[in-house]
Amino acid sequence: MLGLAVLYSCVKEAPPPAQKIPMPRPYKIDGKWYHPIPDARGFTQKGLASWYGKDFHGKKTANGEIYDMHAMTAAHKTLPLGTRVRVYNLTNGKICDVRVNDRGPFVRGRIIDLSYSAAKEIGLVGPGVAKVRIKAMAPPAGAVQGDRNVYYKGNFTIQVGAFKSQANAENLVKKLSGDYNNAHLIRETVGDDIFYRVRVGQCSTLEQAAQFQAVMQGRGYPNAFVVAE
């Protein structure tokens, strides 16, 4: 009953109970095994960042989402999928926040692969590679158990679609608003293009948002993902 009540602020109707999230499993790439860590608390790392764009746009990521080069996401070899990470470009001092939804980069010395939009925000698109420091946005080492999710609190919503047609986006918002809270449209300009992103729900913790994401994926929106507002 508690699990159902948690989602009432995101959705007008009670969703099915959330499934238990399994522990991350090791995986093998080019003969090498990688072991994802179960918890991102206190995680920091220095190394080279790169980015990936059009060649992967529209393809599936490691967590099943469709890669959107215009979203603020990243690939990392071992951080838990869904981890929010702050990236510091040590060359120019610029900072961006991303969500890990993919695995990689599998190139020696590189620690994180950023989406095109994230790379553009920290001045990485031109040079292609830059030295960075990354920090998981999670409680620092030594935090008491009760503080475990303190860095995963905030305002979160679920993006269920992105359109170049404003009319199509508005039609989806209208459809969603009958069943869900906070169905809305975000207009964003990326280069010479304008995108209309449809989002729904309003959650106060990342855990709650992740449960709502699963609900939306199960209800006909397989590419739904969590967005921090």
C-alpha atoms as a PDB file:
ATOM      1  CA  MET A   1       0.000   0.000   0.000  1.00  0.00           C
ATOM      2  CA  LEU A   2       2.845   2.401   0.784  1.00  0.00           C
ATOM      3  CA  GLY A   3       4.378   1.837  -2.652  1.00  0.00           C
ATOM      4  CA  LEU A   4       1.106   2.753  -4.346  1.00  0.00           C
ATOM      5  CA  ALA A   5       0.629   5.858  -2.236  1.00  0.00           C
ATOM      6  CA  VAL A   6       4.066   7.154  -3.172  1.00  0.00           C
ATOM      7  CA  LEU A   7       3.006   7.568  -6.804  1.00  0.00           C
ATOM      8  CA  TYR A   8      -0.267   9.431  -6.243  1.00  0.00           C
ATOM      9  CA  SER A   9       1.520  12.776  -6.656  1.00  0.00           C
ATOM     10  CA  CYS A  10       2.679  11.662 -10.121  1.00  0.00           C
ATOM     11  CA  VAL A  11      -0.399   9.933 -11.484  1.00  0.00           C
ATOM     12  CA  LYS A  12      -4.129  10.358 -10.938  1.00  0.00           C
ATOM     13  CA  GLU A  13      -4.836   6.634 -10.926  1.00  0.00           C
ATOM     14  CA  ALA A  14      -3.065   3.968  -8.861  1.00  0.00           C
ATOM     15  CA  PRO A  15      -0.330   2.254 -10.934  1.00  0.00           C
ATOM     16  CA  PRO A  16       0.638  -1.397 -10.610  1.00  0.00           C
ATOM     17  CA  PRO A  17       3.234  -2.206  -7.915  1.00  0.00           C
ATOM     18  CA  ALA A  18       6.797  -1.437  -8.988  1.00  0.00           C
ATOM     19  CA  GLN A  19       9.006  -4.451  -9.657  1.00  0.00           C
ATOM     20  CA  LYS A  20      12.120  -4.967  -7.614  1.00  0.00           C
ATOM     21  CA  ILE A  21      15.178  -3.576  -9.421  1.00  0.00           C
ATOM     22  CA  PRO A  22      17.861  -6.302  -9.802  1.00  0.00           C
ATOM     23  CA  MET A  23      21.478  -5.803  -8.852  1.00  0.00           C
ATOM     24  CA  PRO A  24      23.666  -4.744 -11.803  1.00  0.00           C
ATOM     25  CA  ARG A  25      25.279  -7.671 -13.599  1.00  0.00           C
ATOM     26  CA  PRO A  26      28.829  -7.850 -14.956  1.00  0.00           C
ATOM     27  CA  TYR A  27      29.126  -7.602 -18.737  1.00  0.00           C
ATOM     28  CA  LYS A  28      31.825  -8.378 -21.279  1.00  0.00           C
ATOM     29  CA  ILE A  29      33.023  -6.106 -24.110  1.00  0.00           C
ATOM     30  CA  ASP A  30      35.872  -7.079 -26.458  1.00  0.00           C
ATOM     31  CA  GLY A  31      37.013  -9.802 -24.109  1.00  0.00           C
ATOM     32  CA  LYS A  32      37.085  -7.602 -20.993  1.00  0.00           C
ATOM     33  CA  TRP A  33      34.709  -7.887 -18.059  1.00  0.00           C
ATOM     34  CA  TYR A  34      33.179  -4.804 -16.446  1.00  0.00           C
ATOM     35  CA  HIS A  35      31.543  -4.870 -13.009  1.00  0.00           C
ATOM     36  CA  PRO A  36      28.955  -2.115 -12.404  1.00  0.00           C
ATOM     37  CA  ILE A  37      28.929  -0.833  -8.841  1.00  0.00           C
ATOM     38  CA  PRO A  38      25.676  -1.138  -6.842  1.00  0.00           C
ATOM     39  CA  ASP A  39      25.810   2.335  -5.288  1.00  0.00           C
ATOM     40  CA  ALA A  40      27.156   5.676  -6.530  1.00  0.00           C
ATOM     41  CA  ARG A  41      27.635   7.287  -3.119  1.00  0.00           C
ATOM     42  CA  GLY A  42      30.846   9.302  -2.919  1.00  0.00           C
ATOM     43  CA  PHE A  43      31.920   8.387  -6.461  1.00  0.00           C
ATOM     44  CA  THR A  44      34.390  10.759  -8.163  1.00  0.00           C
ATOM     45  CA  GLN A  45      36.719  10.157 -11.110  1.00  0.00           C
ATOM     46  CA  LYS A  46      39.160  12.056 -13.331  1.00  0.00           C
ATOM     47  CA  GLY A  47      39.976  11.256 -16.915  1.00  0.00           C
ATOM     48  CA  LEU A  48      39.036  12.018 -20.495  1.00  0.00           C
ATOM     49  CA  ALA A  49      35.506  12.712 -21.685  1.00  0.00           C
ATOM     50  CA  SER A  50      34.327  12.287 -25.252  1.00  0.00           C
ATOM     51  CA  TRP A  51      30.902  12.525 -26.878  1.00  0.00           C
ATOM     52  CA  TYR A  52      28.671  10.625 -29.303  1.00  0.00           C
ATOM     53  CA  GLY A  53      25.965  11.947 -31.574  1.00  0.00           C
ATOM     54  CA  LYS A  54      24.265  11.311 -34.930  1.00  0.00           C
ATOM     55  CA  ASP A  55      25.661   7.820 -35.535  1.00  0.00           C
ATOM     56  CA  PHE A  56      23.903   6.587 -32.387  1.00  0.00           C
ATOM     57  CA  HIS A  57      20.842   8.896 -32.396  1.00  0.00           C
ATOM     58  CA  GLY A  58      17.667   6.786 -32.292  1.00  0.00           C
ATOM     59  CA  LYS A  59      19.411   3.579 -31.226  1.00  0.00           C
ATOM     60  CA  LYS A  60      18.820   1.756 -27.953  1.00  0.00           C
ATOM     61  CA  THR A  61      20.959   2.542 -24.917  1.00  0.00           C
ATOM     62  CA  ALA A  62      22.039   0.080 -22.237  1.00  0.00           C
ATOM     63  CA  ASN A  63      18.951   0.722 -20.101  1.00  0.00           C
ATOM     64  CA  GLY A  64      16.546   0.242 -23.012  1.00  0.00           C
ATOM     65  CA  GLU A  65      15.882   3.907 -23.729  1.00  0.00           C
ATOM     66  CA  ILE A  66      16.294   5.335 -27.210  1.00  0.00           C
ATOM     67  CA  TYR A  67      19.391   7.518 -27.397  1.00  0.00           C
ATOM     68  CA  ASP A  68      18.539  11.183 -27.892  1.00  0.00           C
ATOM     69  CA  MET A  69      21.623  13.223 -28.739  1.00  0.00           C
ATOM     70  CA  HIS A  70      19.724  16.352 -27.644  1.00  0.00           C
ATOM     71  CA  ALA A  71      19.033  15.060 -24.102  1.00  0.00           C
ATOM     72  CA  MET A  72      21.428  15.531 -21.169  1.00  0.00           C
ATOM     73  CA  THR A  73      22.660  11.958 -20.843  1.00  0.00           C
ATOM     74  CA  ALA A  74      25.919  10.027 -20.747  1.00  0.00           C
ATOM     75  CA  ALA A  75      27.531   6.616 -20.980  1.00  0.00           C
ATOM     76  CA  HIS A  76      29.714   5.241 -18.179  1.00  0.00           C
ATOM     77  CA  LYS A  77      31.235   1.793 -17.789  1.00  0.00           C
ATOM     78  CA  THR A  78      30.369   1.037 -14.149  1.00  0.00           C
ATOM     79  CA  LEU A  79      28.093   3.656 -12.543  1.00  0.00           C
ATOM     80  CA  PRO A  80      24.545   2.436 -11.879  1.00  0.00           C
ATOM     81  CA  LEU A  81      22.243   3.264 -14.766  1.00  0.00           C
ATOM     82  CA  GLY A  82      20.111   6.233 -13.783  1.00  0.00           C
ATOM     83  CA  THR A  83      22.852   7.904 -11.734  1.00  0.00           C
ATOM     84  CA  ARG A  84      22.933  11.688 -12.039  1.00  0.00           C
ATOM     85  CA  VAL A  85      26.471  12.952 -12.572  1.00  0.00           C
ATOM     86  CA  ARG A  86      28.037  16.416 -12.532  1.00  0.00           C
ATOM     87  CA  VAL A  87      30.798  16.827 -15.136  1.00  0.00           C
ATOM     88  CA  TYR A  88      33.508  19.475 -14.726  1.00  0.00           C
ATOM     89  CA  ASN A  89      35.528  20.395 -17.817  1.00  0.00           C
ATOM     90  CA  LEU A  90      38.970  20.989 -16.311  1.00  0.00           C
ATOM     91  CA  THR A  91      40.112  22.858 -19.423  1.00  0.00           C
ATOM     92  CA  ASN A  92      37.577  25.702 -19.392  1.00  0.00           C
ATOM     93  CA  GLY A  93      35.755  25.369 -16.050  1.00  0.00           C
ATOM     94  CA  LYS A  94      32.343  24.661 -17.599  1.00  0.00           C
ATOM     95  CA  ILE A  95      29.928  22.298 -15.848  1.00  0.00           C
ATOM     96  CA  CYS A  96      26.967  20.161 -16.897  1.00  0.00           C
ATOM     97  CA  ASP A  97      24.690  17.634 -15.201  1.00  0.00           C
ATOM     98  CA  VAL A  98      23.811  14.395 -16.958  1.00  0.00           C
ATOM     99  CA  ARG A  99      22.002  11.131 -16.319  1.00  0.00           C
ATOM    100  CA  VAL A 100      23.792   7.844 -17.061  1.00  0.00           C
ATOM    101  CA  ASN A 101      21.646   5.690 -19.348  1.00  0.00           C
ATOM    102  CA  ASP A 102      24.278   3.880 -21.417  1.00  0.00           C
ATOM    103  CA  ARG A 103      27.551   1.943 -21.168  1.00  0.00           C
ATOM    104  CA  GLY A 104      30.926   3.080 -22.493  1.00  0.00           C
ATOM    105  CA  PRO A 105      33.200   4.563 -23.648  1.00  0.00           C
ATOM    106  CA  PHE A 106      35.317   1.487 -24.304  1.00  0.00           C
ATOM    107  CA  VAL A 107      38.432   3.433 -25.270  1.00  0.00           C
ATOM    108  CA  ARG A 108      41.542   3.433 -23.089  1.00  0.00           C
ATOM    109  CA  GLY A 109      41.755   6.487 -20.839  1.00  0.00           C
ATOM    110  CA  ARG A 110      38.223   7.732 -21.459  1.00  0.00           C
ATOM    111  CA  ILE A 111      35.848   7.661 -18.495  1.00  0.00           C
ATOM    112  CA  ILE A 112      32.586   9.100 -19.827  1.00  0.00           C
ATOM    113  CA  ASP A 113      30.825   9.624 -23.147  1.00  0.00           C
ATOM    114  CA  LEU A 114      28.490  12.635 -23.218  1.00  0.00           C
ATOM    115  CA  SER A 115      25.483  13.250 -25.430  1.00  0.00           C
ATOM    116  CA  TYR A 116      25.842  15.989 -28.050  1.00  0.00           C
ATOM    117  CA  SER A 117      23.884  18.525 -25.972  1.00  0.00           C
ATOM    118  CA  ALA A 118      25.886  17.809 -22.830  1.00  0.00           C
ATOM    119  CA  ALA A 119      29.177  18.056 -24.759  1.00  0.00           C
ATOM    120  CA  LYS A 120      28.059  21.333 -26.317  1.00  0.00           C
ATOM    121  CA  GLU A 121      27.223  22.781 -22.894  1.00  0.00           C
ATOM    122  CA  ILE A 122      30.784  22.291 -21.617  1.00  0.00           C
ATOM    123  CA  GLY A 123      32.594  23.165 -24.859  1.00  0.00           C
ATOM    124  CA  LEU A 124      33.536  19.600 -25.792  1.00  0.00           C
ATOM    125  CA  VAL A 125      32.040  19.335 -29.290  1.00  0.00           C
ATOM    126  CA  GLY A 126      34.896  21.149 -31.045  1.00  0.00           C
ATOM    127  CA  PRO A 127      37.929  19.457 -29.460  1.00  0.00           C
ATOM    128  CA  GLY A 128      36.116  16.118 -29.175  1.00  0.00           C
ATOM    129  CA  VAL A 129      37.996  15.061 -26.029  1.00  0.00           C
ATOM    130  CA  ALA A 130      38.773  16.939 -22.810  1.00  0.00           C
ATOM    131  CA  LYS A 131      40.038  16.206 -19.330  1.00  0.00           C
ATOM    132  CA  VAL A 132      37.181  16.193 -16.832  1.00  0.00           C
ATOM    133  CA  ARG A 133      36.281  15.385 -13.268  1.00  0.00           C
ATOM    134  CA  ILE A 134      32.976  13.670 -12.651  1.00  0.00           C
ATOM    135  CA  LYS A 135      31.059  13.444  -9.406  1.00  0.00           C
ATOM    136  CA  ALA A 136      27.993  11.331  -8.733  1.00  0.00           C
ATOM    137  CA  MET A 137      25.207  13.429  -7.264  1.00  0.00           C
ATOM    138  CA  ALA A 138      24.679  11.117  -4.329  1.00  0.00           C
ATOM    139  CA  PRO A 139      25.386  11.304  -0.576  1.00  0.00           C
ATOM    140  CA  PRO A 140      29.114  11.436   0.271  1.00  0.00           C
ATOM    141  CA  ALA A 141      30.905   8.476   1.798  1.00  0.00           C
ATOM    142  CA  GLY A 142      30.134   8.163   5.502  1.00  0.00           C
ATOM    143  CA  ALA A 143      26.583   9.485   5.260  1.00  0.00           C
ATOM    144  CA  VAL A 144      24.205   7.769   7.671  1.00  0.00           C
ATOM    145  CA  GLN A 145      21.712   5.341   6.220  1.00  0.00           C
ATOM    146  CA  GLY A 146      18.817   7.720   6.732  1.00  0.00           C
ATOM    147  CA  ASP A 147      20.472  10.246   4.426  1.00  0.00           C
ATOM    148  CA  ARG A 148      20.948   7.767   1.590  1.00  0.00           C
ATOM    149  CA  ASN A 149      18.638   9.492  -0.894  1.00  0.00           C
ATOM    150  CA  VAL A 150      19.211  13.112   0.076  1.00  0.00           C
ATOM    151  CA  TYR A 151      20.882  13.939  -3.250  1.00  0.00           C
ATOM    152  CA  TYR A 152      18.104  12.231  -5.161  1.00  0.00           C
ATOM    153  CA  LYS A 153      15.446  14.691  -3.973  1.00  0.00           C
ATOM    154  CA  GLY A 154      14.131  17.513  -6.106  1.00  0.00           C
ATOM    155  CA  ASN A 155      11.600  18.058  -8.857  1.00  0.00           C
ATOM    156  CA  PHE A 156      11.382  15.278 -11.430  1.00  0.00           C
ATOM    157  CA  THR A 157       9.036  14.632 -14.316  1.00  0.00           C
ATOM    158  CA  ILE A 158       8.793  12.028 -17.076  1.00  0.00           C
ATOM    159  CA  GLN A 159       9.434  12.847 -20.723  1.00  0.00           C
ATOM    160  CA  VAL A 160       7.287  10.649 -22.941  1.00  0.00           C
ATOM    161  CA  GLY A 161       7.931  12.149 -26.358  1.00  0.00           C
ATOM    162  CA  ALA A 162       9.699  14.806 -28.428  1.00  0.00           C
ATOM    163  CA  PHE A 163       8.297  16.296 -31.631  1.00  0.00           C
ATOM    164  CA  LYS A 164       9.168  18.836 -34.279  1.00  0.00           C
ATOM    165  CA  SER A 165       5.437  19.321 -34.829  1.00  0.00           C
ATOM    166  CA  GLN A 166       3.868  21.514 -32.150  1.00  0.00           C
ATOM    167  CA  ALA A 167       0.402  20.220 -33.053  1.00  0.00           C
ATOM    168  CA  ASN A 168       1.429  16.594 -32.460  1.00  0.00           C
ATOM    169  CA  ALA A 169       2.975  17.508 -29.121  1.00  0.00           C
ATOM    170  CA  GLU A 170      -0.128  19.427 -28.039  1.00  0.00           C
ATOM    171  CA  ASN A 171      -2.372  16.498 -29.004  1.00  0.00           C
ATOM    172  CA  LEU A 172      -0.335  14.171 -26.785  1.00  0.00           C
ATOM    173  CA  VAL A 173      -0.461  16.634 -23.873  1.00  0.00           C
ATOM    174  CA  LYS A 174      -4.247  16.772 -24.240  1.00  0.00           C
ATOM    175  CA  LYS A 175      -4.464  12.983 -24.280  1.00  0.00           C
ATOM    176  CA  LEU A 176      -2.277  12.581 -21.188  1.00  0.00           C
ATOM    177  CA  SER A 177      -3.929  15.336 -19.156  1.00  0.00           C
ATOM    178  CA  GLY A 178      -7.069  13.229 -18.769  1.00  0.00           C
ATOM    179  CA  ASP A 179      -5.257  10.603 -16.702  1.00  0.00           C
ATOM    180  CA  TYR A 180      -2.091  12.178 -15.336  1.00  0.00           C
ATOM    181  CA  ASN A 181      -1.039  15.231 -13.364  1.00  0.00           C
ATOM    182  CA  ASN A 182       1.175  17.964 -14.784  1.00  0.00           C
ATOM    183  CA  ALA A 183       1.016  16.997 -18.470  1.00  0.00           C
ATOM    184  CA  HIS A 184       2.858  19.829 -20.208  1.00  0.00           C
ATOM    185  CA  LEU A 185       4.950  20.870 -23.177  1.00  0.00           C
ATOM    186  CA  ILE A 186       8.492  22.254 -23.182  1.00  0.00           C
ATOM    187  CA  ARG A 187       9.733  24.189 -26.217  1.00  0.00           C
ATOM    188  CA  GLU A 188      13.491  23.962 -26.799  1.00  0.00           C
ATOM    189  CA  THR A 189      15.713  25.325 -29.539  1.00  0.00           C
ATOM    190  CA  VAL A 190      18.644  23.112 -30.546  1.00  0.00           C
ATOM    191  CA  GLY A 191      20.783  24.724 -33.231  1.00  0.00           C
ATOM    192  CA  ASP A 192      18.405  25.635 -36.044  1.00  0.00           C
ATOM    193  CA  ASP A 193      15.725  23.170 -34.913  1.00  0.00           C
ATOM    194  CA  ILE A 194      12.831  23.569 -32.488  1.00  0.00           C
ATOM    195  CA  PHE A 195      11.672  20.581 -30.456  1.00  0.00           C
ATOM    196  CA  TYR A 196       8.475  20.235 -28.436  1.00  0.00           C
ATOM    197  CA  ARG A 197       9.048  17.861 -25.547  1.00  0.00           C
ATOM    198  CA  VAL A 198       6.024  16.324 -23.808  1.00  0.00           C
ATOM    199  CA  ARG A 199       6.373  15.653 -20.101  1.00  0.00           C
ATOM    200  CA  VAL A 200       4.012  14.399 -17.421  1.00  0.00           C
ATOM    201  CA  GLY A 201       3.919  13.890 -13.656  1.00  0.00           C
ATOM    202  CA  GLN A 202       5.688  15.637 -10.808  1.00  0.00           C
ATOM    203  CA  CYS A 203       7.754  13.607  -8.356  1.00  0.00           C
ATOM    204  CA  SER A 204       9.810  14.733  -5.383  1.00  0.00           C
ATOM    205  CA  THR A 205      12.373  11.908  -5.343  1.00  0.00           C
ATOM    206  CA  LEU A 206      14.343  10.078  -8.018  1.00  0.00           C
ATOM    207  CA  GLU A 207      13.141   6.725  -6.680  1.00  0.00           C
ATOM    208  CA  GLN A 208       9.519   7.795  -7.076  1.00  0.00           C
ATOM    209  CA  ALA A 209      10.236   9.120 -10.564  1.00  0.00           C
ATOM    210  CA  ALA A 210      11.927   5.849 -11.569  1.00  0.00           C
ATOM    211  CA  GLN A 211       8.802   3.943 -10.514  1.00  0.00           C
ATOM    212  CA  PHE A 212       6.599   6.314 -12.505  1.00  0.00           C
ATOM    213  CA  GLN A 213       8.904   5.936 -15.518  1.00  0.00           C
ATOM    214  CA  ALA A 214       8.335   2.161 -15.377  1.00  0.00           C
ATOM    215  CA  VAL A 215       4.590   2.760 -15.204  1.00  0.00           C
ATOM    216  CA  MET A 216       4.608   4.955 -18.311  1.00  0.00           C
ATOM    217  CA  GLN A 217       6.824   2.521 -20.218  1.00  0.00           C
ATOM    218  CA  GLY A 218       4.350  -0.237 -19.387  1.00  0.00           C
ATOM    219  CA  ARG A 219       1.438   1.857 -20.595  1.00  0.00           C
ATOM    220  CA  GLY A 220       2.557   2.369 -24.132  1.00  0.00           C
ATOM    221  CA  TYR A 221       5.438   4.868 -23.852  1.00  0.00           C
ATOM    222  CA  PRO A 222       8.561   2.650 -24.087  1.00  0.00           C
ATOM    223  CA  ASN A 223      10.922   5.622 -24.515  1.00  0.00           C
ATOM    224  CA  ALA A 224       9.764   7.454 -21.368  1.00  0.00           C
ATOM    225  CA  PHE A 225      12.589   8.655 -19.122  1.00  0.00           C
ATOM    226  CA  VAL A 226      13.131  10.754 -15.997  1.00  0.00           C
ATOM    227  CA  VAL A 227      13.969  14.453 -16.322  1.00  0.00           C
ATOM    228  CA  ALA A 228      15.159  16.708 -13.491  1.00  0.00           C
ATOM    229  CA  GLU A 229      13.501  20.128 -13.510  1.00  0.00           C
END
